[in-house]
Amino acid sequence: MMQQEKNIKTTKSIWLLIVSLISIIAGIYILFNPDTALMASAMIVGIGFMVMGCGYLLEYRQSRSYMYPVIGILDILIGLVLLTNLGVTAISMPIILGFWCLFVGVTQFIGGLQLRTQQSSWGMMTLLTGLVGIIFGILLFLYPVFGIFTITFLLGAYLVIYGAMELGRYFKM
């Protein structure tokens, strides 16, 4: 019994080592190859938009707020556009994300106003989230090149930090 637990623990720790090293290598690769990372990010973001859109449509069934199907349909359409035009998407991702942030921000802001009048504790949070989305969307419109570098830098830095943390956890085991 003890030998079996030790084998399981060893297998888990080897996978932890592999995942941490792959994360670090991928993060470094992304930091030095932002164009390739941006293409991959465009594909991942396209898939993510489609999944989020489906989630918003499912949420509508429970909440009955018209905010959810509007955002859901928009997310699905943006996801399709992103996936069918990866080259254009990579270049225009900050503008597309800026548009999305503005639209969702305004929708959340209006939804927050509606929730606030119903004395809901989520009203103020939704209102503030919408305001942040509006500000972020405007910044992406004003500085699209900065948005491209920000997207790839944050992704690369995150993977390096995540990999380093997991590597530390591996050595601690």
N, C-alpha and C. Protein backbone atom coordinates (compact mmCIF):
# COMPACT_ATOMS: atom_id res chain seq x y z
N MET A 1 0.82 -1.20 0.00
CA MET A 1 0.00 0.00 0.00
C MET A 1 0.86 1.25 0.00
N MET A 2 1.90 1.29 0.83
CA MET A 2 2.79 2.45 0.91
C MET A 2 3.55 2.66 -0.40
N GLN A 3 3.95 1.57 -1.04
CA GLN A 3 4.69 1.65 -2.30
C GLN A 3 3.80 2.24 -3.40
N GLN A 4 2.51 1.87 -3.40
CA GLN A 4 1.58 2.37 -4.39
C GLN A 4 1.38 3.89 -4.21
N GLU A 5 1.25 4.36 -2.98
CA GLU A 5 1.12 5.80 -2.71
C GLU A 5 2.37 6.54 -3.14
N LYS A 6 3.53 5.96 -2.91
CA LYS A 6 4.78 6.59 -3.30
C LYS A 6 4.88 6.69 -4.82
N ASN A 7 4.44 5.65 -5.54
CA ASN A 7 4.46 5.68 -7.01
C ASN A 7 3.53 6.76 -7.55
N ILE A 8 2.35 6.89 -6.94
CA ILE A 8 1.40 7.92 -7.36
C ILE A 8 1.97 9.30 -7.11
N LYS A 9 2.58 9.50 -5.96
CA LYS A 9 3.17 10.79 -5.62
C LYS A 9 4.32 11.13 -6.56
N THR A 10 5.15 10.13 -6.91
CA THR A 10 6.26 10.34 -7.82
C THR A 10 5.74 10.71 -9.21
N THR A 11 4.70 10.03 -9.68
CA THR A 11 4.12 10.33 -10.98
C THR A 11 3.56 11.74 -11.01
N LYS A 12 2.85 12.13 -9.94
CA LYS A 12 2.30 13.48 -9.86
C LYS A 12 3.41 14.52 -9.86
N SER A 13 4.49 14.28 -9.15
CA SER A 13 5.56 15.26 -9.08
C SER A 13 6.31 15.37 -10.41
N ILE A 14 6.42 14.26 -11.15
CA ILE A 14 7.06 14.33 -12.47
C ILE A 14 6.21 15.18 -13.41
N TRP A 15 4.89 14.98 -13.35
CA TRP A 15 4.01 15.80 -14.20
C TRP A 15 4.08 17.27 -13.80
N LEU A 16 4.19 17.54 -12.53
CA LEU A 16 4.32 18.92 -12.06
C LEU A 16 5.61 19.53 -12.61
N LEU A 17 6.69 18.78 -12.59
CA LEU A 17 7.95 19.25 -13.15
C LEU A 17 7.81 19.53 -14.64
N ILE A 18 7.17 18.62 -15.37
CA ILE A 18 7.00 18.78 -16.82
C ILE A 18 6.15 20.02 -17.13
N VAL A 19 5.03 20.17 -16.41
CA VAL A 19 4.15 21.32 -16.64
C VAL A 19 4.87 22.63 -16.33
N SER A 20 5.61 22.66 -15.25
CA SER A 20 6.31 23.90 -14.88
C SER A 20 7.36 24.25 -15.92
N LEU A 21 8.11 23.28 -16.41
CA LEU A 21 9.14 23.55 -17.41
C LEU A 21 8.52 23.98 -18.75
N ILE A 22 7.44 23.32 -19.14
CA ILE A 22 6.75 23.72 -20.38
C ILE A 22 6.22 25.14 -20.25
N SER A 23 5.66 25.50 -19.11
CA SER A 23 5.15 26.86 -18.90
C SER A 23 6.26 27.89 -19.00
N ILE A 24 7.38 27.61 -18.38
CA ILE A 24 8.50 28.56 -18.42
C ILE A 24 9.02 28.71 -19.85
N ILE A 25 9.21 27.59 -20.53
CA ILE A 25 9.70 27.64 -21.91
C ILE A 25 8.71 28.36 -22.82
N ALA A 26 7.42 28.06 -22.68
CA ALA A 26 6.40 28.73 -23.49
C ALA A 26 6.36 30.22 -23.20
N GLY A 27 6.48 30.59 -21.93
CA GLY A 27 6.48 32.01 -21.57
C GLY A 27 7.66 32.75 -22.17
N ILE A 28 8.83 32.15 -22.10
CA ILE A 28 10.02 32.78 -22.68
C ILE A 28 9.87 32.88 -24.20
N TYR A 29 9.35 31.82 -24.82
CA TYR A 29 9.13 31.83 -26.27
C TYR A 29 8.19 32.98 -26.65
N ILE A 30 7.11 33.13 -25.91
CA ILE A 30 6.14 34.18 -26.19
C ILE A 30 6.77 35.56 -26.03
N LEU A 31 7.58 35.73 -25.01
CA LEU A 31 8.21 37.04 -24.79
C LEU A 31 9.14 37.41 -25.94
N PHE A 32 9.77 36.42 -26.58
CA PHE A 32 10.70 36.70 -27.68
C PHE A 32 10.07 36.54 -29.06
N ASN A 33 8.86 36.05 -29.15
CA ASN A 33 8.15 35.87 -30.42
C ASN A 33 6.71 36.35 -30.29
N PRO A 34 6.51 37.63 -30.09
CA PRO A 34 5.15 38.12 -29.85
C PRO A 34 4.21 37.92 -31.04
N ASP A 35 4.73 37.89 -32.27
CA ASP A 35 3.86 37.71 -33.43
C ASP A 35 3.20 36.33 -33.44
N THR A 36 3.99 35.30 -33.17
CA THR A 36 3.45 33.94 -33.11
C THR A 36 2.47 33.82 -31.94
N ALA A 37 2.85 34.39 -30.84
CA ALA A 37 1.98 34.34 -29.66
C ALA A 37 0.67 35.06 -29.91
N LEU A 38 0.73 36.14 -30.66
CA LEU A 38 -0.49 36.89 -30.95
C LEU A 38 -1.44 36.07 -31.83
N MET A 39 -0.89 35.32 -32.79
CA MET A 39 -1.73 34.46 -33.63
C MET A 39 -2.40 33.37 -32.78
N ALA A 40 -1.62 32.74 -31.92
CA ALA A 40 -2.18 31.70 -31.04
C ALA A 40 -3.20 32.32 -30.09
N SER A 41 -2.89 33.49 -29.57
CA SER A 41 -3.82 34.17 -28.67
C SER A 41 -5.12 34.51 -29.39
N ALA A 42 -5.01 34.90 -30.65
CA ALA A 42 -6.22 35.21 -31.42
C ALA A 42 -7.13 33.99 -31.51
N MET A 43 -6.53 32.83 -31.74
CA MET A 43 -7.33 31.61 -31.83
C MET A 43 -7.95 31.27 -30.47
N ILE A 44 -7.15 31.35 -29.43
CA ILE A 44 -7.65 31.04 -28.09
C ILE A 44 -8.74 32.02 -27.68
N VAL A 45 -8.54 33.28 -27.98
CA VAL A 45 -9.55 34.29 -27.62
C VAL A 45 -10.84 34.05 -28.42
N GLY A 46 -10.71 33.67 -29.69
CA GLY A 46 -11.89 33.38 -30.50
C GLY A 46 -12.71 32.25 -29.90
N ILE A 47 -12.04 31.19 -29.51
CA ILE A 47 -12.72 30.06 -28.87
C ILE A 47 -13.33 30.51 -27.54
N GLY A 48 -12.57 31.29 -26.79
CA GLY A 48 -13.06 31.78 -25.50
C GLY A 48 -14.31 32.63 -25.64
N PHE A 49 -14.35 33.51 -26.66
CA PHE A 49 -15.53 34.33 -26.89
C PHE A 49 -16.74 33.46 -27.18
N MET A 50 -16.56 32.42 -27.98
CA MET A 50 -17.69 31.56 -28.31
C MET A 50 -18.21 30.82 -27.07
N VAL A 51 -17.30 30.34 -26.24
CA VAL A 51 -17.71 29.64 -25.01
C VAL A 51 -18.41 30.62 -24.06
N MET A 52 -17.84 31.82 -23.91
CA MET A 52 -18.49 32.82 -23.04
C MET A 52 -19.87 33.18 -23.56
N GLY A 53 -20.00 33.32 -24.88
CA GLY A 53 -21.30 33.65 -25.46
C GLY A 53 -22.34 32.60 -25.15
N CYS A 54 -21.95 31.33 -25.27
CA CYS A 54 -22.88 30.25 -24.92
C CYS A 54 -23.24 30.31 -23.43
N GLY A 55 -22.27 30.64 -22.60
CA GLY A 55 -22.53 30.77 -21.17
C GLY A 55 -23.53 31.88 -20.87
N TYR A 56 -23.38 33.01 -21.57
CA TYR A 56 -24.33 34.11 -21.37
C TYR A 56 -25.73 33.71 -21.82
N LEU A 57 -25.82 32.98 -22.93
CA LEU A 57 -27.14 32.53 -23.39
C LEU A 57 -27.78 31.58 -22.38
N LEU A 58 -26.97 30.70 -21.79
CA LEU A 58 -27.50 29.79 -20.77
C LEU A 58 -27.90 30.56 -19.50
N GLU A 59 -27.15 31.59 -19.17
CA GLU A 59 -27.46 32.40 -17.99
C GLU A 59 -28.81 33.11 -18.14
N TYR A 60 -29.16 33.47 -19.38
CA TYR A 60 -30.42 34.15 -19.64
C TYR A 60 -31.62 33.30 -19.20
N ARG A 61 -31.47 31.99 -19.32
CA ARG A 61 -32.57 31.10 -18.94
C ARG A 61 -32.91 31.24 -17.46
N GLN A 62 -31.94 31.59 -16.63
CA GLN A 62 -32.18 31.71 -15.19
C GLN A 62 -32.51 33.14 -14.78
N SER A 63 -31.83 34.12 -15.36
CA SER A 63 -31.97 35.48 -14.87
C SER A 63 -33.04 36.29 -15.58
N ARG A 64 -33.28 35.99 -16.83
CA ARG A 64 -34.25 36.71 -17.66
C ARG A 64 -33.89 38.18 -17.88
N SER A 65 -32.63 38.53 -17.68
CA SER A 65 -32.18 39.90 -17.98
C SER A 65 -31.76 39.93 -19.45
N TYR A 66 -32.22 40.92 -20.18
CA TYR A 66 -31.90 41.01 -21.61
C TYR A 66 -30.43 41.34 -21.86
N MET A 67 -29.72 41.70 -20.82
CA MET A 67 -28.29 41.97 -20.94
C MET A 67 -27.56 40.70 -21.38
N TYR A 68 -27.94 39.53 -20.89
CA TYR A 68 -27.22 38.28 -21.15
C TYR A 68 -27.32 37.80 -22.60
N PRO A 69 -28.50 37.75 -23.21
CA PRO A 69 -28.51 37.28 -24.61
C PRO A 69 -27.83 38.26 -25.56
N VAL A 70 -27.91 39.55 -25.27
CA VAL A 70 -27.25 40.54 -26.12
C VAL A 70 -25.74 40.32 -26.09
N ILE A 71 -25.18 40.21 -24.90
CA ILE A 71 -23.74 39.97 -24.77
C ILE A 71 -23.39 38.58 -25.33
N GLY A 72 -24.24 37.59 -25.10
CA GLY A 72 -23.98 36.24 -25.59
C GLY A 72 -23.89 36.17 -27.10
N ILE A 73 -24.85 36.77 -27.78
CA ILE A 73 -24.85 36.77 -29.25
C ILE A 73 -23.65 37.54 -29.78
N LEU A 74 -23.34 38.68 -29.16
CA LEU A 74 -22.17 39.46 -29.58
C LEU A 74 -20.89 38.65 -29.40
N ASP A 75 -20.76 37.97 -28.27
CA ASP A 75 -19.56 37.16 -28.03
C ASP A 75 -19.41 36.04 -29.06
N ILE A 76 -20.50 35.37 -29.39
CA ILE A 76 -20.43 34.30 -30.38
C ILE A 76 -20.04 34.85 -31.75
N LEU A 77 -20.63 35.98 -32.15
CA LEU A 77 -20.27 36.58 -33.43
C LEU A 77 -18.81 37.01 -33.47
N ILE A 78 -18.34 37.63 -32.40
CA ILE A 78 -16.93 38.04 -32.34
C ILE A 78 -16.03 36.81 -32.39
N GLY A 79 -16.39 35.76 -31.69
CA GLY A 79 -15.61 34.52 -31.72
C GLY A 79 -15.50 33.95 -33.11
N LEU A 80 -16.60 33.96 -33.86
CA LEU A 80 -16.58 33.46 -35.24
C LEU A 80 -15.68 34.32 -36.12
N VAL A 81 -15.78 35.64 -35.97
CA VAL A 81 -14.93 36.54 -36.76
C VAL A 81 -13.46 36.30 -36.43
N LEU A 82 -13.15 36.18 -35.16
CA LEU A 82 -11.76 35.96 -34.75
C LEU A 82 -11.22 34.65 -35.31
N LEU A 83 -12.00 33.60 -35.28
CA LEU A 83 -11.53 32.29 -35.73
C LEU A 83 -11.41 32.17 -37.24
N THR A 84 -12.22 32.90 -37.98
CA THR A 84 -12.18 32.78 -39.44
C THR A 84 -11.18 33.72 -40.09
N ASN A 85 -10.62 34.66 -39.35
CA ASN A 85 -9.66 35.62 -39.90
C ASN A 85 -8.48 35.80 -38.95
N LEU A 86 -7.72 34.74 -38.70
CA LEU A 86 -6.67 34.81 -37.67
C LEU A 86 -5.61 35.88 -37.95
N GLY A 87 -5.19 36.03 -39.20
CA GLY A 87 -4.17 37.05 -39.52
C GLY A 87 -4.66 38.45 -39.24
N VAL A 88 -5.85 38.74 -39.71
CA VAL A 88 -6.45 40.05 -39.48
C VAL A 88 -6.74 40.22 -37.99
N THR A 89 -7.18 39.15 -37.36
CA THR A 89 -7.49 39.19 -35.93
C THR A 89 -6.28 39.55 -35.11
N ALA A 90 -5.13 38.94 -35.44
CA ALA A 90 -3.92 39.20 -34.66
C ALA A 90 -3.56 40.68 -34.70
N ILE A 91 -3.72 41.29 -35.85
CA ILE A 91 -3.37 42.71 -35.99
C ILE A 91 -4.42 43.60 -35.33
N SER A 92 -5.68 43.20 -35.48
CA SER A 92 -6.75 44.08 -35.00
C SER A 92 -7.31 43.67 -33.65
N MET A 93 -6.66 42.73 -32.97
CA MET A 93 -7.20 42.25 -31.70
C MET A 93 -7.42 43.37 -30.68
N PRO A 94 -6.50 44.32 -30.53
CA PRO A 94 -6.78 45.39 -29.56
C PRO A 94 -8.03 46.20 -29.90
N ILE A 95 -8.27 46.44 -31.18
CA ILE A 95 -9.46 47.20 -31.57
C ILE A 95 -10.72 46.37 -31.30
N ILE A 96 -10.66 45.07 -31.65
CA ILE A 96 -11.81 44.19 -31.41
C ILE A 96 -12.08 44.09 -29.92
N LEU A 97 -11.01 43.90 -29.13
CA LEU A 97 -11.19 43.82 -27.68
C LEU A 97 -11.67 45.15 -27.11
N GLY A 98 -11.18 46.25 -27.69
CA GLY A 98 -11.64 47.57 -27.24
C GLY A 98 -13.13 47.75 -27.49
N PHE A 99 -13.58 47.34 -28.69
CA PHE A 99 -15.01 47.41 -29.01
C PHE A 99 -15.81 46.54 -28.05
N TRP A 100 -15.31 45.32 -27.83
CA TRP A 100 -16.02 44.41 -26.93
C TRP A 100 -16.08 44.98 -25.52
N CYS A 101 -14.96 45.50 -25.02
CA CYS A 101 -14.93 46.07 -23.66
C CYS A 101 -15.91 47.24 -23.54
N LEU A 102 -15.94 48.09 -24.56
CA LEU A 102 -16.87 49.22 -24.53
C LEU A 102 -18.32 48.73 -24.52
N PHE A 103 -18.65 47.82 -25.42
CA PHE A 103 -20.02 47.35 -25.52
C PHE A 103 -20.46 46.65 -24.23
N VAL A 104 -19.63 45.72 -23.75
CA VAL A 104 -19.97 45.00 -22.52
C VAL A 104 -19.99 45.97 -21.34
N GLY A 105 -19.03 46.91 -21.32
CA GLY A 105 -18.98 47.89 -20.24
C GLY A 105 -20.25 48.73 -20.17
N VAL A 106 -20.69 49.22 -21.33
CA VAL A 106 -21.92 50.02 -21.37
C VAL A 106 -23.13 49.17 -20.96
N THR A 107 -23.17 47.93 -21.47
CA THR A 107 -24.28 47.03 -21.12
C THR A 107 -24.29 46.74 -19.63
N GLN A 108 -23.10 46.48 -19.05
CA GLN A 108 -23.02 46.23 -17.61
C GLN A 108 -23.38 47.48 -16.81
N PHE A 109 -22.94 48.62 -17.29
CA PHE A 109 -23.25 49.87 -16.60
C PHE A 109 -24.76 50.08 -16.54
N ILE A 110 -25.43 49.88 -17.67
CA ILE A 110 -26.89 50.02 -17.71
C ILE A 110 -27.55 48.95 -16.83
N GLY A 111 -27.05 47.71 -16.92
CA GLY A 111 -27.57 46.65 -16.07
C GLY A 111 -27.36 46.96 -14.60
N GLY A 112 -26.21 47.56 -14.27
CA GLY A 112 -25.93 47.95 -12.89
C GLY A 112 -26.90 49.01 -12.39
N LEU A 113 -27.25 49.94 -13.28
CA LEU A 113 -28.24 50.96 -12.90
C LEU A 113 -29.59 50.31 -12.61
N GLN A 114 -29.97 49.32 -13.44
CA GLN A 114 -31.23 48.62 -13.21
C GLN A 114 -31.19 47.83 -11.90
N LEU A 115 -30.08 47.14 -11.66
CA LEU A 115 -29.96 46.36 -10.42
C LEU A 115 -29.92 47.26 -9.18
N ARG A 116 -29.31 48.42 -9.34
CA ARG A 116 -29.21 49.35 -8.21
C ARG A 116 -30.59 49.85 -7.78
N THR A 117 -31.47 50.05 -8.75
CA THR A 117 -32.81 50.52 -8.40
C THR A 117 -33.63 49.43 -7.71
N GLN A 118 -33.21 48.16 -7.88
CA GLN A 118 -33.90 47.05 -7.22
C GLN A 118 -33.29 46.73 -5.86
N GLN A 119 -32.42 47.60 -5.37
CA GLN A 119 -31.75 47.43 -4.08
C GLN A 119 -30.91 46.15 -4.03
N SER A 120 -30.32 45.80 -5.16
CA SER A 120 -29.49 44.60 -5.22
C SER A 120 -28.05 44.96 -4.86
N SER A 121 -27.40 44.10 -4.08
CA SER A 121 -26.01 44.36 -3.71
C SER A 121 -25.09 44.23 -4.92
N TRP A 122 -25.54 43.54 -5.95
CA TRP A 122 -24.72 43.38 -7.16
C TRP A 122 -24.77 44.62 -8.04
N GLY A 123 -25.71 45.50 -7.78
CA GLY A 123 -25.88 46.69 -8.62
C GLY A 123 -24.65 47.55 -8.68
N MET A 124 -24.09 47.89 -7.54
CA MET A 124 -22.91 48.76 -7.50
C MET A 124 -21.70 48.07 -8.11
N MET A 125 -21.53 46.78 -7.85
CA MET A 125 -20.40 46.03 -8.40
C MET A 125 -20.50 45.97 -9.93
N THR A 126 -21.69 45.70 -10.44
CA THR A 126 -21.90 45.64 -11.88
C THR A 126 -21.68 47.01 -12.50
N LEU A 127 -22.12 48.04 -11.82
CA LEU A 127 -21.92 49.42 -12.29
C LEU A 127 -20.43 49.74 -12.39
N LEU A 128 -19.67 49.41 -11.36
CA LEU A 128 -18.22 49.68 -11.36
C LEU A 128 -17.48 48.83 -12.40
N THR A 129 -17.89 47.58 -12.55
CA THR A 129 -17.27 46.71 -13.56
C THR A 129 -17.52 47.27 -14.95
N GLY A 130 -18.72 47.76 -15.20
CA GLY A 130 -19.03 48.38 -16.48
C GLY A 130 -18.18 49.61 -16.73
N LEU A 131 -17.99 50.42 -15.71
CA LEU A 131 -17.17 51.63 -15.84
C LEU A 131 -15.72 51.29 -16.17
N VAL A 132 -15.18 50.27 -15.51
CA VAL A 132 -13.81 49.83 -15.79
C VAL A 132 -13.70 49.32 -17.23
N GLY A 133 -14.70 48.57 -17.68
CA GLY A 133 -14.71 48.08 -19.06
C GLY A 133 -14.73 49.21 -20.07
N ILE A 134 -15.50 50.25 -19.80
CA ILE A 134 -15.57 51.41 -20.69
C ILE A 134 -14.21 52.11 -20.76
N ILE A 135 -13.59 52.32 -19.62
CA ILE A 135 -12.28 52.98 -19.58
C ILE A 135 -11.24 52.14 -20.31
N PHE A 136 -11.21 50.82 -20.05
CA PHE A 136 -10.24 49.94 -20.70
C PHE A 136 -10.46 49.92 -22.21
N GLY A 137 -11.72 49.89 -22.65
CA GLY A 137 -12.02 49.90 -24.08
C GLY A 137 -11.53 51.17 -24.75
N ILE A 138 -11.73 52.29 -24.12
CA ILE A 138 -11.26 53.57 -24.67
C ILE A 138 -9.73 53.58 -24.77
N LEU A 139 -9.05 53.07 -23.74
CA LEU A 139 -7.59 53.01 -23.78
C LEU A 139 -7.09 52.11 -24.92
N LEU A 140 -7.77 51.00 -25.16
CA LEU A 140 -7.37 50.13 -26.27
C LEU A 140 -7.57 50.81 -27.62
N PHE A 141 -8.62 51.62 -27.76
CA PHE A 141 -8.82 52.37 -28.99
C PHE A 141 -7.74 53.43 -29.18
N LEU A 142 -7.39 54.10 -28.11
CA LEU A 142 -6.41 55.18 -28.20
C LEU A 142 -4.99 54.68 -28.43
N TYR A 143 -4.66 53.51 -27.90
CA TYR A 143 -3.29 52.98 -27.98
C TYR A 143 -3.30 51.51 -28.42
N PRO A 144 -3.68 51.22 -29.69
CA PRO A 144 -3.78 49.82 -30.12
C PRO A 144 -2.45 49.08 -30.16
N VAL A 145 -1.36 49.74 -30.54
CA VAL A 145 -0.06 49.07 -30.58
C VAL A 145 0.35 48.67 -29.17
N PHE A 146 0.12 49.55 -28.22
CA PHE A 146 0.40 49.23 -26.83
C PHE A 146 -0.44 48.03 -26.38
N GLY A 147 -1.67 47.93 -26.89
CA GLY A 147 -2.54 46.81 -26.56
C GLY A 147 -1.98 45.49 -27.05
N ILE A 148 -1.40 45.48 -28.26
CA ILE A 148 -0.80 44.25 -28.79
C ILE A 148 0.34 43.80 -27.90
N PHE A 149 1.22 44.71 -27.57
CA PHE A 149 2.36 44.34 -26.73
C PHE A 149 1.93 43.96 -25.33
N THR A 150 0.93 44.62 -24.83
CA THR A 150 0.44 44.30 -23.49
C THR A 150 -0.12 42.88 -23.44
N ILE A 151 -0.90 42.53 -24.46
CA ILE A 151 -1.51 41.19 -24.51
C ILE A 151 -0.43 40.12 -24.50
N THR A 152 0.56 40.25 -25.40
CA THR A 152 1.59 39.21 -25.49
C THR A 152 2.53 39.23 -24.29
N PHE A 153 2.86 40.42 -23.79
CA PHE A 153 3.76 40.48 -22.64
C PHE A 153 3.12 39.86 -21.40
N LEU A 154 1.86 40.18 -21.17
CA LEU A 154 1.18 39.63 -19.99
C LEU A 154 1.06 38.11 -20.07
N LEU A 155 0.77 37.61 -21.27
CA LEU A 155 0.68 36.17 -21.43
C LEU A 155 2.02 35.50 -21.17
N GLY A 156 3.09 36.03 -21.78
CA GLY A 156 4.42 35.46 -21.57
C GLY A 156 4.87 35.55 -20.13
N ALA A 157 4.68 36.71 -19.52
CA ALA A 157 5.09 36.90 -18.12
C ALA A 157 4.30 35.98 -17.20
N TYR A 158 3.01 35.84 -17.46
CA TYR A 158 2.20 34.95 -16.64
C TYR A 158 2.71 33.52 -16.71
N LEU A 159 2.99 33.04 -17.91
CA LEU A 159 3.46 31.66 -18.05
C LEU A 159 4.80 31.43 -17.35
N VAL A 160 5.71 32.41 -17.45
CA VAL A 160 7.00 32.27 -16.77
C VAL A 160 6.80 32.24 -15.25
N ILE A 161 5.99 33.15 -14.74
CA ILE A 161 5.75 33.20 -13.29
C ILE A 161 5.03 31.94 -12.81
N TYR A 162 4.02 31.52 -13.57
CA TYR A 162 3.29 30.30 -13.21
C TYR A 162 4.24 29.10 -13.20
N GLY A 163 5.04 28.98 -14.24
CA GLY A 163 5.99 27.87 -14.31
C GLY A 163 6.99 27.90 -13.17
N ALA A 164 7.48 29.09 -12.83
CA ALA A 164 8.44 29.21 -11.72
C ALA A 164 7.79 28.82 -10.39
N MET A 165 6.54 29.23 -10.20
CA MET A 165 5.84 28.87 -8.96
C MET A 165 5.64 27.35 -8.88
N GLU A 166 5.25 26.74 -9.98
CA GLU A 166 5.06 25.30 -10.00
C GLU A 166 6.38 24.56 -9.83
N LEU A 167 7.45 25.11 -10.39
CA LEU A 167 8.77 24.52 -10.22
C LEU A 167 9.18 24.59 -8.75
N GLY A 168 8.91 25.71 -8.11
CA GLY A 168 9.17 25.83 -6.68
C GLY A 168 8.38 24.82 -5.88
N ARG A 169 7.14 24.62 -6.26
CA ARG A 169 6.30 23.64 -5.57
C ARG A 169 6.85 22.22 -5.78
N TYR A 170 7.37 21.96 -6.97
CA TYR A 170 7.97 20.64 -7.26
C TYR A 170 9.16 20.40 -6.34
N PHE A 171 10.04 21.38 -6.22
CA PHE A 171 11.22 21.20 -5.37
C PHE A 171 10.86 21.14 -3.89
N LYS A 172 9.76 21.78 -3.52
CA LYS A 172 9.31 21.72 -2.13
C LYS A 172 8.77 20.34 -1.78
N MET A 173 8.21 19.64 -2.80
CA MET A 173 7.68 18.30 -2.57
C MET A 173 8.84 17.38 -2.25
